[in-house]
């Protein structure tokens, strides 16, 4: 099956021999899970313990070529990952609607705004207009530091860029405005404690 990403590149299935896969798996486990996997594990912990219901939204796929070798079976031959129109995660916590995006960077001194898209900013504006709680989780990969930034602050930095200002958010600005989230064990990224602060601010 051929799957194409939004930029036109084709998804290539990994055909690495099983012995090499095993080696890669060991190497991968040594350097830890990805940001998305950590968040998904955290959300599963929240769900299992009855704390919140938060899920990652599936990436929309446009199917363009389907074969029917049998009447009862369809085989997708070609599909495209479409550009998501909203953010990555949403759910419910303490009766509040949560909507957020998770981004990371290899930079150590700033967070590039190119990591975000106009439709995501507009979506977060709409969530705020309906009294929902919107934010972004920012991860500095090299330092393994994670911060929660309120959507309102992100929108301010976005507007600064549109007005001709810098195209990134400095680390100093992030440290002064955002809520630091420590890395734990269970759950890995306990961001609900930071969300509690946002809820208090909204009262």
N, C-alpha and C. Protein backbone atom coordinates (compact mmCIF):
# COMPACT_ATOMS: atom_id res chain seq x y z
N UNK A 1 0.84 -1.20 0.00
CA UNK A 1 0.00 0.00 0.00
C UNK A 1 0.87 1.24 0.00
N UNK A 2 0.52 2.23 -0.80
CA UNK A 2 1.26 3.48 -0.87
C UNK A 2 0.53 4.53 -0.05
N UNK A 3 1.21 5.14 0.91
CA UNK A 3 0.64 6.24 1.69
C UNK A 3 1.52 7.46 1.49
N UNK A 4 0.89 8.56 1.14
CA UNK A 4 1.64 9.79 0.89
C UNK A 4 1.39 10.81 1.98
N UNK A 5 2.45 11.45 2.45
CA UNK A 5 2.33 12.50 3.45
C UNK A 5 1.82 13.78 2.78
N UNK A 6 1.36 14.78 3.58
CA UNK A 6 0.83 16.01 2.98
C UNK A 6 1.80 16.72 2.04
N UNK A 7 3.13 16.56 2.24
CA UNK A 7 4.08 17.23 1.36
C UNK A 7 4.36 16.43 0.10
N UNK A 8 3.67 15.29 -0.07
CA UNK A 8 3.83 14.52 -1.29
C UNK A 8 4.77 13.34 -1.18
N UNK A 9 5.60 13.30 -0.12
CA UNK A 9 6.53 12.19 0.06
C UNK A 9 5.76 10.91 0.32
N UNK A 10 6.27 9.81 -0.19
CA UNK A 10 5.63 8.53 0.02
C UNK A 10 6.13 7.89 1.31
N UNK A 11 5.21 7.25 2.00
CA UNK A 11 5.58 6.49 3.19
C UNK A 11 6.20 5.18 2.74
N UNK A 12 7.40 4.88 3.24
CA UNK A 12 8.08 3.65 2.87
C UNK A 12 8.07 2.70 4.04
N UNK A 13 7.49 1.54 3.85
CA UNK A 13 7.41 0.56 4.93
C UNK A 13 8.79 0.03 5.27
N UNK A 14 9.04 -0.20 6.56
CA UNK A 14 10.32 -0.70 7.02
C UNK A 14 10.42 -2.19 6.74
N UNK A 15 11.37 -2.57 5.89
CA UNK A 15 11.54 -3.98 5.53
C UNK A 15 12.82 -4.53 6.10
N UNK A 16 13.28 -3.95 7.20
CA UNK A 16 14.50 -4.40 7.84
C UNK A 16 14.35 -5.82 8.34
N UNK A 17 15.36 -6.69 8.14
CA UNK A 17 15.29 -8.06 8.64
C UNK A 17 15.02 -8.08 10.13
N UNK A 18 14.41 -9.19 10.60
CA UNK A 18 14.01 -9.28 12.00
C UNK A 18 15.17 -9.12 12.96
N UNK A 19 16.37 -9.64 12.61
CA UNK A 19 17.52 -9.53 13.50
C UNK A 19 17.93 -8.08 13.68
N UNK A 20 17.88 -7.30 12.58
CA UNK A 20 18.22 -5.88 12.66
C UNK A 20 17.16 -5.12 13.41
N UNK A 21 15.89 -5.53 13.25
CA UNK A 21 14.81 -4.88 13.98
C UNK A 21 15.00 -5.03 15.48
N UNK A 22 15.42 -6.23 15.88
CA UNK A 22 15.62 -6.47 17.30
C UNK A 22 16.70 -5.56 17.85
N UNK A 23 17.78 -5.39 17.06
CA UNK A 23 18.87 -4.51 17.49
C UNK A 23 18.39 -3.08 17.62
N UNK A 24 17.62 -2.63 16.65
CA UNK A 24 17.10 -1.26 16.69
C UNK A 24 16.17 -1.08 17.87
N UNK A 25 15.38 -2.10 18.18
CA UNK A 25 14.44 -2.00 19.29
C UNK A 25 15.18 -1.79 20.61
N UNK A 26 16.27 -2.52 20.78
CA UNK A 26 17.07 -2.39 22.00
C UNK A 26 17.66 -1.00 22.09
N UNK A 27 18.19 -0.52 20.97
CA UNK A 27 18.79 0.81 20.95
C UNK A 27 17.75 1.87 21.26
N UNK A 28 16.53 1.69 20.71
CA UNK A 28 15.47 2.67 20.90
C UNK A 28 15.05 2.73 22.36
N UNK A 29 14.93 1.55 22.98
CA UNK A 29 14.48 1.52 24.36
C UNK A 29 15.50 2.20 25.28
N UNK A 30 16.75 2.17 24.90
CA UNK A 30 17.78 2.78 25.73
C UNK A 30 17.69 4.30 25.74
N UNK A 31 17.18 4.86 24.69
CA UNK A 31 17.13 6.33 24.64
C UNK A 31 15.74 6.87 25.00
N UNK A 32 14.85 5.99 25.42
CA UNK A 32 13.56 6.44 25.91
C UNK A 32 12.51 6.57 24.84
N UNK A 33 11.29 6.79 25.28
CA UNK A 33 10.17 6.90 24.35
C UNK A 33 10.08 8.30 23.76
N UNK A 34 9.31 8.42 22.69
CA UNK A 34 9.12 9.72 22.06
C UNK A 34 8.14 10.54 22.90
N UNK A 35 8.09 11.83 22.61
CA UNK A 35 7.20 12.74 23.30
C UNK A 35 5.75 12.26 23.16
N UNK A 36 5.37 11.88 21.94
CA UNK A 36 4.00 11.43 21.70
C UNK A 36 3.68 10.17 22.49
N UNK A 37 4.61 9.22 22.52
CA UNK A 37 4.39 7.98 23.26
C UNK A 37 4.27 8.25 24.76
N UNK A 38 5.10 9.16 25.26
CA UNK A 38 5.02 9.53 26.68
C UNK A 38 3.65 10.13 27.00
N UNK A 39 3.16 10.99 26.11
CA UNK A 39 1.85 11.62 26.33
C UNK A 39 0.72 10.59 26.24
N UNK A 40 0.82 9.70 25.27
CA UNK A 40 -0.22 8.68 25.13
C UNK A 40 -0.25 7.77 26.36
N UNK A 41 0.92 7.44 26.87
CA UNK A 41 0.99 6.61 28.08
C UNK A 41 0.41 7.37 29.28
N UNK A 42 0.71 8.65 29.36
CA UNK A 42 0.16 9.48 30.43
C UNK A 42 -1.35 9.55 30.36
N UNK A 43 -1.87 9.76 29.15
CA UNK A 43 -3.32 9.84 28.97
C UNK A 43 -4.00 8.52 29.32
N UNK A 44 -3.34 7.41 29.01
CA UNK A 44 -3.89 6.10 29.37
C UNK A 44 -3.91 5.93 30.88
N UNK A 45 -2.88 6.44 31.55
CA UNK A 45 -2.84 6.41 33.02
C UNK A 45 -4.00 7.22 33.59
N UNK A 46 -4.22 8.42 33.05
CA UNK A 46 -5.33 9.26 33.51
C UNK A 46 -6.67 8.54 33.33
N UNK A 47 -6.84 7.88 32.18
CA UNK A 47 -8.09 7.19 31.88
C UNK A 47 -8.28 5.99 32.82
N UNK A 48 -7.24 5.20 33.00
CA UNK A 48 -7.31 4.01 33.84
C UNK A 48 -7.63 4.35 35.29
N UNK A 49 -7.09 5.48 35.75
CA UNK A 49 -7.29 5.87 37.15
C UNK A 49 -8.47 6.84 37.34
N UNK A 50 -9.26 7.01 36.29
CA UNK A 50 -10.47 7.82 36.39
C UNK A 50 -10.22 9.30 36.61
N UNK A 51 -9.07 9.80 36.15
CA UNK A 51 -8.73 11.21 36.36
C UNK A 51 -9.22 12.11 35.23
N UNK A 52 -9.13 11.64 34.00
CA UNK A 52 -9.52 12.44 32.85
C UNK A 52 -9.72 11.53 31.65
N UNK A 53 -10.42 12.04 30.65
CA UNK A 53 -10.60 11.33 29.39
C UNK A 53 -10.00 12.20 28.29
N UNK A 54 -8.79 11.87 27.89
CA UNK A 54 -8.05 12.67 26.90
C UNK A 54 -7.45 11.73 25.87
N UNK A 55 -7.66 12.04 24.60
CA UNK A 55 -7.16 11.18 23.53
C UNK A 55 -6.46 11.99 22.44
N UNK A 56 -5.57 11.31 21.75
CA UNK A 56 -4.95 11.91 20.57
C UNK A 56 -5.90 11.74 19.40
N UNK A 57 -6.09 12.81 18.66
CA UNK A 57 -6.99 12.74 17.51
C UNK A 57 -6.30 11.99 16.38
N UNK A 58 -7.00 11.09 15.70
CA UNK A 58 -6.39 10.36 14.58
C UNK A 58 -6.08 11.29 13.41
N UNK A 59 -4.99 11.00 12.72
CA UNK A 59 -4.63 11.79 11.54
C UNK A 59 -5.58 11.43 10.40
N UNK A 60 -6.26 12.42 9.81
CA UNK A 60 -7.19 12.11 8.72
C UNK A 60 -6.46 11.58 7.48
N UNK A 61 -7.05 10.59 6.84
CA UNK A 61 -6.45 9.97 5.66
C UNK A 61 -7.43 10.06 4.49
N UNK A 62 -6.92 10.46 3.32
CA UNK A 62 -7.74 10.50 2.11
C UNK A 62 -7.35 9.30 1.24
N UNK A 63 -8.31 8.43 1.00
CA UNK A 63 -8.07 7.24 0.19
C UNK A 63 -8.31 7.58 -1.28
N UNK A 64 -7.34 7.26 -2.14
CA UNK A 64 -7.47 7.62 -3.56
C UNK A 64 -7.48 6.41 -4.49
N UNK A 65 -7.07 5.23 -3.98
CA UNK A 65 -7.04 4.05 -4.86
C UNK A 65 -7.36 2.80 -4.04
N UNK A 66 -8.47 2.17 -4.40
CA UNK A 66 -8.91 0.97 -3.68
C UNK A 66 -9.14 -0.16 -4.69
N UNK A 67 -8.61 -1.35 -4.37
CA UNK A 67 -8.84 -2.53 -5.21
C UNK A 67 -9.75 -3.50 -4.46
N UNK A 68 -10.54 -4.23 -5.24
CA UNK A 68 -11.49 -5.18 -4.66
C UNK A 68 -11.20 -6.58 -5.18
N UNK A 69 -10.19 -7.27 -4.59
CA UNK A 69 -9.89 -8.63 -5.04
C UNK A 69 -11.04 -9.60 -4.78
N UNK A 70 -11.82 -9.31 -3.74
CA UNK A 70 -13.02 -10.10 -3.44
C UNK A 70 -14.16 -9.14 -3.14
N UNK A 71 -15.35 -9.62 -3.28
CA UNK A 71 -16.51 -8.76 -2.99
C UNK A 71 -16.54 -8.34 -1.53
N UNK A 72 -16.07 -9.23 -0.68
CA UNK A 72 -16.14 -8.97 0.75
C UNK A 72 -14.89 -8.27 1.30
N UNK A 73 -13.92 -8.00 0.44
CA UNK A 73 -12.66 -7.41 0.93
C UNK A 73 -12.20 -6.28 0.01
N UNK A 74 -11.77 -5.20 0.64
CA UNK A 74 -11.23 -4.07 -0.11
C UNK A 74 -9.78 -3.85 0.32
N UNK A 75 -8.91 -3.59 -0.65
CA UNK A 75 -7.49 -3.36 -0.37
C UNK A 75 -7.14 -1.93 -0.77
N UNK A 76 -6.69 -1.14 0.21
CA UNK A 76 -6.29 0.24 -0.08
C UNK A 76 -4.89 0.22 -0.70
N UNK A 77 -4.77 0.74 -1.91
CA UNK A 77 -3.49 0.75 -2.62
C UNK A 77 -2.76 2.08 -2.50
N UNK A 78 -3.50 3.17 -2.34
CA UNK A 78 -2.86 4.48 -2.22
C UNK A 78 -3.73 5.41 -1.38
N UNK A 79 -3.07 6.12 -0.46
CA UNK A 79 -3.79 7.05 0.41
C UNK A 79 -2.84 8.17 0.82
N UNK A 80 -3.42 9.28 1.23
CA UNK A 80 -2.64 10.45 1.65
C UNK A 80 -3.00 10.83 3.07
N UNK A 81 -1.96 11.16 3.88
CA UNK A 81 -2.22 11.77 5.17
C UNK A 81 -2.61 13.22 4.92
N UNK A 82 -3.81 13.60 5.32
CA UNK A 82 -4.28 14.97 5.13
C UNK A 82 -3.80 15.84 6.28
N UNK A 83 -3.72 17.13 6.01
CA UNK A 83 -3.33 18.08 7.05
C UNK A 83 -4.44 18.17 8.09
N UNK A 84 -4.10 17.87 9.34
CA UNK A 84 -5.10 17.95 10.40
C UNK A 84 -5.59 19.39 10.54
N UNK A 85 -6.88 19.56 10.79
CA UNK A 85 -7.47 20.91 10.83
C UNK A 85 -7.51 21.49 12.24
N UNK A 86 -7.15 20.69 13.24
CA UNK A 86 -7.21 21.20 14.60
C UNK A 86 -5.89 20.90 15.32
N UNK A 87 -5.98 20.57 16.60
CA UNK A 87 -4.79 20.26 17.39
C UNK A 87 -4.69 18.75 17.61
N UNK A 88 -3.65 18.33 18.34
CA UNK A 88 -3.38 16.90 18.49
C UNK A 88 -4.26 16.19 19.50
N UNK A 89 -4.58 16.88 20.60
CA UNK A 89 -5.26 16.20 21.72
C UNK A 89 -6.48 16.99 22.19
N UNK A 90 -7.48 16.26 22.66
CA UNK A 90 -8.61 16.91 23.33
C UNK A 90 -9.27 15.94 24.29
N UNK A 91 -10.07 16.48 25.21
CA UNK A 91 -10.74 15.63 26.16
C UNK A 91 -11.45 16.42 27.24
N UNK A 92 -11.78 15.73 28.33
CA UNK A 92 -12.54 16.33 29.42
C UNK A 92 -11.82 16.07 30.74
N UNK A 93 -11.73 17.11 31.56
CA UNK A 93 -11.10 17.00 32.88
C UNK A 93 -11.82 17.93 33.85
N UNK A 94 -12.34 17.38 34.93
CA UNK A 94 -13.07 18.15 35.94
C UNK A 94 -14.19 18.99 35.32
N UNK A 95 -14.87 18.42 34.34
CA UNK A 95 -15.97 19.11 33.69
C UNK A 95 -15.54 20.17 32.70
N UNK A 96 -14.23 20.28 32.45
CA UNK A 96 -13.70 21.29 31.54
C UNK A 96 -13.24 20.63 30.24
N UNK A 97 -13.48 21.32 29.13
CA UNK A 97 -13.01 20.83 27.84
C UNK A 97 -11.56 21.26 27.65
N UNK A 98 -10.68 20.28 27.37
CA UNK A 98 -9.27 20.56 27.14
C UNK A 98 -8.94 20.34 25.67
N UNK A 99 -8.10 21.20 25.13
CA UNK A 99 -7.67 21.08 23.75
C UNK A 99 -6.23 21.57 23.68
N UNK A 100 -5.33 20.71 23.21
CA UNK A 100 -3.93 21.16 23.19
C UNK A 100 -3.10 20.50 22.10
N UNK A 101 -1.98 21.11 21.85
CA UNK A 101 -1.01 20.66 20.85
C UNK A 101 0.29 20.33 21.58
N UNK A 102 1.03 19.36 21.08
CA UNK A 102 2.31 18.99 21.66
C UNK A 102 3.40 19.15 20.60
N UNK A 103 4.43 19.93 20.92
CA UNK A 103 5.51 20.20 19.97
C UNK A 103 6.86 20.06 20.66
N UNK A 104 7.88 19.72 19.89
CA UNK A 104 9.22 19.66 20.46
C UNK A 104 10.24 20.23 19.50
N UNK A 105 11.41 20.59 20.03
CA UNK A 105 12.47 21.18 19.22
C UNK A 105 13.82 20.70 19.72
N UNK A 106 14.79 20.68 18.81
CA UNK A 106 16.17 20.36 19.16
C UNK A 106 16.92 21.61 19.60
N UNK A 107 16.31 22.78 19.38
CA UNK A 107 16.94 24.03 19.79
C UNK A 107 17.04 24.09 21.31
N UNK A 108 18.04 24.80 21.79
CA UNK A 108 18.23 24.92 23.24
C UNK A 108 17.90 26.31 23.77
N UNK A 109 17.87 27.30 22.89
CA UNK A 109 17.70 28.68 23.33
C UNK A 109 16.36 29.30 22.94
N UNK A 110 15.62 28.65 22.04
CA UNK A 110 14.33 29.21 21.62
C UNK A 110 13.46 28.13 21.02
N UNK A 111 12.16 28.45 20.88
CA UNK A 111 11.20 27.51 20.29
C UNK A 111 10.66 28.13 19.00
N UNK A 112 10.97 27.57 17.81
CA UNK A 112 10.53 28.14 16.54
C UNK A 112 9.01 28.12 16.37
N UNK A 113 8.47 29.24 15.95
CA UNK A 113 7.03 29.30 15.73
C UNK A 113 6.61 28.58 14.45
N UNK A 114 7.58 28.23 13.60
CA UNK A 114 7.25 27.49 12.38
C UNK A 114 6.72 26.10 12.71
N UNK A 115 6.88 25.66 13.95
CA UNK A 115 6.34 24.37 14.37
C UNK A 115 4.82 24.38 14.44
N UNK A 116 4.24 25.58 14.43
CA UNK A 116 2.79 25.71 14.50
C UNK A 116 2.24 26.13 13.15
N UNK A 117 0.93 25.92 12.98
CA UNK A 117 0.26 26.28 11.73
C UNK A 117 -0.89 27.25 12.03
N UNK A 118 -1.19 28.05 11.04
CA UNK A 118 -2.24 29.07 11.19
C UNK A 118 -3.56 28.45 11.64
N UNK A 119 -3.92 27.30 11.07
CA UNK A 119 -5.21 26.69 11.43
C UNK A 119 -5.22 26.23 12.88
N UNK A 120 -4.06 25.87 13.43
CA UNK A 120 -4.01 25.47 14.83
C UNK A 120 -4.21 26.68 15.75
N UNK A 121 -3.61 27.79 15.37
CA UNK A 121 -3.79 29.02 16.14
C UNK A 121 -5.26 29.44 16.12
N UNK A 122 -5.88 29.40 14.95
CA UNK A 122 -7.28 29.79 14.83
C UNK A 122 -8.18 28.85 15.64
N UNK A 123 -7.84 27.57 15.61
CA UNK A 123 -8.64 26.60 16.38
C UNK A 123 -8.56 26.90 17.87
N UNK A 124 -7.36 27.20 18.37
CA UNK A 124 -7.22 27.49 19.79
C UNK A 124 -7.94 28.78 20.17
N UNK A 125 -7.96 29.74 19.27
CA UNK A 125 -8.73 30.96 19.51
C UNK A 125 -10.21 30.62 19.68
N UNK A 126 -10.72 29.76 18.82
CA UNK A 126 -12.14 29.37 18.90
C UNK A 126 -12.44 28.64 20.20
N UNK A 127 -11.50 27.78 20.64
CA UNK A 127 -11.70 27.06 21.90
C UNK A 127 -11.77 28.05 23.06
N UNK A 128 -10.87 29.02 23.07
CA UNK A 128 -10.88 30.04 24.13
C UNK A 128 -12.16 30.86 24.10
N UNK A 129 -12.65 31.16 22.90
CA UNK A 129 -13.87 31.96 22.78
C UNK A 129 -15.09 31.23 23.35
N UNK A 130 -15.00 29.90 23.44
CA UNK A 130 -16.10 29.11 24.00
C UNK A 130 -15.78 28.62 25.41
N UNK A 131 -14.84 29.32 26.05
CA UNK A 131 -14.48 29.04 27.44
C UNK A 131 -13.85 27.67 27.67
N UNK A 132 -13.28 27.10 26.62
CA UNK A 132 -12.53 25.87 26.79
C UNK A 132 -11.11 26.21 27.25
N UNK A 133 -10.37 25.19 27.66
CA UNK A 133 -8.99 25.38 28.10
C UNK A 133 -8.07 24.89 26.99
N UNK A 134 -7.30 25.81 26.42
CA UNK A 134 -6.40 25.48 25.32
C UNK A 134 -4.96 25.83 25.71
N UNK A 135 -4.04 24.98 25.32
CA UNK A 135 -2.64 25.22 25.64
C UNK A 135 -1.75 24.39 24.72
N UNK A 136 -0.44 24.57 24.85
CA UNK A 136 0.52 23.76 24.12
C UNK A 136 1.54 23.22 25.11
N UNK A 137 1.99 22.01 24.85
CA UNK A 137 3.09 21.43 25.62
C UNK A 137 4.34 21.52 24.76
N UNK A 138 5.35 22.20 25.27
CA UNK A 138 6.60 22.42 24.53
C UNK A 138 7.70 21.58 25.15
N UNK A 139 8.39 20.82 24.33
CA UNK A 139 9.49 20.00 24.84
C UNK A 139 10.80 20.41 24.17
N UNK A 140 11.80 20.70 25.00
CA UNK A 140 13.16 20.91 24.52
C UNK A 140 13.87 19.56 24.61
N UNK A 141 14.06 18.93 23.45
CA UNK A 141 14.51 17.54 23.41
C UNK A 141 15.86 17.30 24.05
N UNK A 142 16.84 18.16 23.76
CA UNK A 142 18.19 17.93 24.26
C UNK A 142 18.25 17.99 25.78
N UNK A 143 17.49 18.92 26.37
CA UNK A 143 17.49 19.07 27.83
C UNK A 143 16.42 18.23 28.49
N UNK A 144 15.50 17.68 27.67
CA UNK A 144 14.35 16.94 28.15
C UNK A 144 13.54 17.77 29.15
N UNK A 145 13.29 19.02 28.73
CA UNK A 145 12.48 19.94 29.54
C UNK A 145 11.13 20.13 28.87
N UNK A 146 10.08 20.13 29.67
CA UNK A 146 8.73 20.28 29.13
C UNK A 146 8.02 21.43 29.84
N UNK A 147 7.34 22.26 29.07
CA UNK A 147 6.63 23.41 29.61
C UNK A 147 5.22 23.45 29.06
N UNK A 148 4.28 23.91 29.88
CA UNK A 148 2.92 24.16 29.41
C UNK A 148 2.79 25.65 29.16
N UNK A 149 2.44 26.00 27.92
CA UNK A 149 2.21 27.41 27.57
C UNK A 149 0.73 27.62 27.30
N UNK A 150 0.18 28.63 27.93
CA UNK A 150 -1.22 28.97 27.70
C UNK A 150 -1.42 29.40 26.25
N UNK A 151 -2.57 29.03 25.68
CA UNK A 151 -2.85 29.39 24.29
C UNK A 151 -2.82 30.90 24.07
N UNK A 152 -3.29 31.65 25.06
CA UNK A 152 -3.32 33.11 24.93
C UNK A 152 -1.90 33.66 24.74
N UNK A 153 -0.92 33.09 25.45
CA UNK A 153 0.46 33.54 25.30
C UNK A 153 1.02 33.15 23.93
N UNK A 154 0.71 31.94 23.49
CA UNK A 154 1.16 31.52 22.16
C UNK A 154 0.59 32.44 21.08
N UNK A 155 -0.67 32.79 21.22
CA UNK A 155 -1.31 33.69 20.24
C UNK A 155 -0.61 35.05 20.24
N UNK A 156 -0.20 35.53 21.41
CA UNK A 156 0.52 36.80 21.49
C UNK A 156 1.84 36.72 20.73
N UNK A 157 2.58 35.64 20.92
CA UNK A 157 3.85 35.47 20.21
C UNK A 157 3.63 35.30 18.72
N UNK A 158 2.55 34.64 18.34
CA UNK A 158 2.22 34.45 16.93
C UNK A 158 1.93 35.81 16.27
N UNK A 159 1.15 36.63 16.97
CA UNK A 159 0.83 37.96 16.43
C UNK A 159 2.08 38.83 16.35
N UNK A 160 2.99 38.66 17.30
CA UNK A 160 4.26 39.40 17.25
C UNK A 160 5.02 39.04 15.98
N UNK A 161 5.05 37.76 15.64
CA UNK A 161 5.72 37.32 14.42
C UNK A 161 5.05 37.91 13.18
N UNK A 162 3.71 37.89 13.16
CA UNK A 162 2.98 38.42 12.01
C UNK A 162 3.20 39.92 11.84
N UNK A 163 3.54 40.59 12.95
CA UNK A 163 3.78 42.03 12.90
C UNK A 163 5.24 42.36 12.56
N UNK A 164 6.01 41.33 12.22
CA UNK A 164 7.39 41.56 11.83
C UNK A 164 8.41 41.26 12.92
N UNK A 165 7.92 40.73 14.05
CA UNK A 165 8.82 40.41 15.16
C UNK A 165 9.52 39.08 14.96
N UNK A 166 10.23 38.63 15.99
CA UNK A 166 11.01 37.41 15.89
C UNK A 166 10.12 36.20 15.61
N UNK A 167 10.71 35.20 14.94
CA UNK A 167 9.97 34.02 14.51
C UNK A 167 10.11 32.86 15.49
N UNK A 168 10.48 33.18 16.70
CA UNK A 168 10.61 32.14 17.72
C UNK A 168 10.32 32.74 19.09
N UNK A 169 10.15 31.86 20.06
CA UNK A 169 9.94 32.28 21.45
C UNK A 169 11.21 31.95 22.22
N UNK A 170 11.80 32.92 22.88
CA UNK A 170 13.05 32.66 23.57
C UNK A 170 12.83 31.75 24.78
N UNK A 171 13.89 31.07 25.17
CA UNK A 171 13.82 30.19 26.34
C UNK A 171 13.50 31.00 27.59
N UNK A 172 14.04 32.21 27.66
CA UNK A 172 13.77 33.08 28.81
C UNK A 172 12.28 33.42 28.90
N UNK A 173 11.68 33.73 27.75
CA UNK A 173 10.25 34.04 27.73
C UNK A 173 9.43 32.83 28.17
N UNK A 174 9.83 31.67 27.71
CA UNK A 174 9.11 30.45 28.07
C UNK A 174 9.21 30.18 29.57
N UNK A 175 10.41 30.33 30.12
CA UNK A 175 10.59 30.08 31.55
C UNK A 175 9.81 31.07 32.42
N UNK A 176 9.67 32.29 31.94
CA UNK A 176 8.98 33.32 32.73
C UNK A 176 7.46 33.20 32.65
N UNK A 177 6.94 32.67 31.53
CA UNK A 177 5.50 32.63 31.32
C UNK A 177 4.86 31.25 31.51
N UNK A 178 5.64 30.22 31.30
CA UNK A 178 5.07 28.87 31.25
C UNK A 178 5.20 28.12 32.57
N UNK A 179 4.49 27.02 32.64
CA UNK A 179 4.53 26.14 33.81
C UNK A 179 5.42 24.95 33.49
N UNK A 180 6.46 24.77 34.26
CA UNK A 180 7.38 23.65 34.04
C UNK A 180 6.73 22.34 34.49
N UNK A 181 6.90 21.30 33.68
CA UNK A 181 6.33 19.98 34.00
C UNK A 181 7.46 18.98 34.15
N UNK A 182 7.69 18.48 35.35
CA UNK A 182 8.78 17.52 35.56
C UNK A 182 8.47 16.16 34.93
N UNK A 183 9.52 15.45 34.53
CA UNK A 183 9.37 14.10 34.01
C UNK A 183 9.28 13.13 35.19
N UNK A 184 8.25 12.29 35.17
CA UNK A 184 8.05 11.35 36.26
C UNK A 184 8.06 9.92 35.77
N UNK A 185 7.53 9.03 36.57
CA UNK A 185 7.48 7.62 36.21
C UNK A 185 6.07 7.21 35.83
N UNK A 186 5.14 7.35 36.76
CA UNK A 186 3.73 7.09 36.47
C UNK A 186 2.88 8.20 37.07
N UNK A 187 2.33 9.07 36.26
CA UNK A 187 2.50 9.13 34.81
C UNK A 187 3.80 9.82 34.40
N UNK A 188 4.20 9.64 33.17
CA UNK A 188 5.46 10.19 32.69
C UNK A 188 5.44 11.72 32.65
N UNK A 189 4.34 12.28 32.09
CA UNK A 189 4.25 13.74 31.95
C UNK A 189 2.96 14.18 32.62
N UNK A 190 3.02 14.46 33.90
CA UNK A 190 1.82 14.75 34.68
C UNK A 190 1.40 16.21 34.49
N UNK A 191 0.83 16.48 33.31
CA UNK A 191 0.48 17.86 32.97
C UNK A 191 -0.83 18.33 33.61
N UNK A 192 -1.62 17.42 34.16
CA UNK A 192 -2.89 17.84 34.76
C UNK A 192 -2.69 18.76 35.96
N UNK A 193 -1.57 18.63 36.66
CA UNK A 193 -1.29 19.54 37.77
C UNK A 193 -1.15 20.96 37.27
N UNK A 194 -0.56 21.12 36.08
CA UNK A 194 -0.45 22.45 35.47
C UNK A 194 -1.81 22.93 34.98
N UNK A 195 -2.64 21.99 34.48
CA UNK A 195 -3.99 22.34 34.03
C UNK A 195 -4.83 22.83 35.21
N UNK A 196 -4.61 22.24 36.39
CA UNK A 196 -5.31 22.72 37.59
C UNK A 196 -5.08 24.21 37.79
N UNK A 197 -3.87 24.66 37.52
CA UNK A 197 -3.55 26.08 37.66
C UNK A 197 -4.32 26.91 36.64
N UNK A 198 -4.46 26.39 35.43
CA UNK A 198 -5.22 27.11 34.40
C UNK A 198 -6.70 27.20 34.79
N UNK A 199 -7.21 26.12 35.38
CA UNK A 199 -8.61 26.12 35.81
C UNK A 199 -8.83 27.17 36.89
N UNK A 200 -7.91 27.25 37.86
CA UNK A 200 -8.01 28.25 38.93
C UNK A 200 -8.00 29.66 38.35
N UNK A 201 -7.17 29.87 37.34
CA UNK A 201 -7.07 31.20 36.72
C UNK A 201 -8.36 31.58 36.01
N UNK A 202 -9.11 30.57 35.55
CA UNK A 202 -10.34 30.85 34.79
C UNK A 202 -11.55 31.09 35.67
N UNK A 203 -11.42 30.83 36.97
CA UNK A 203 -12.56 30.99 37.88
C UNK A 203 -12.83 32.46 38.20
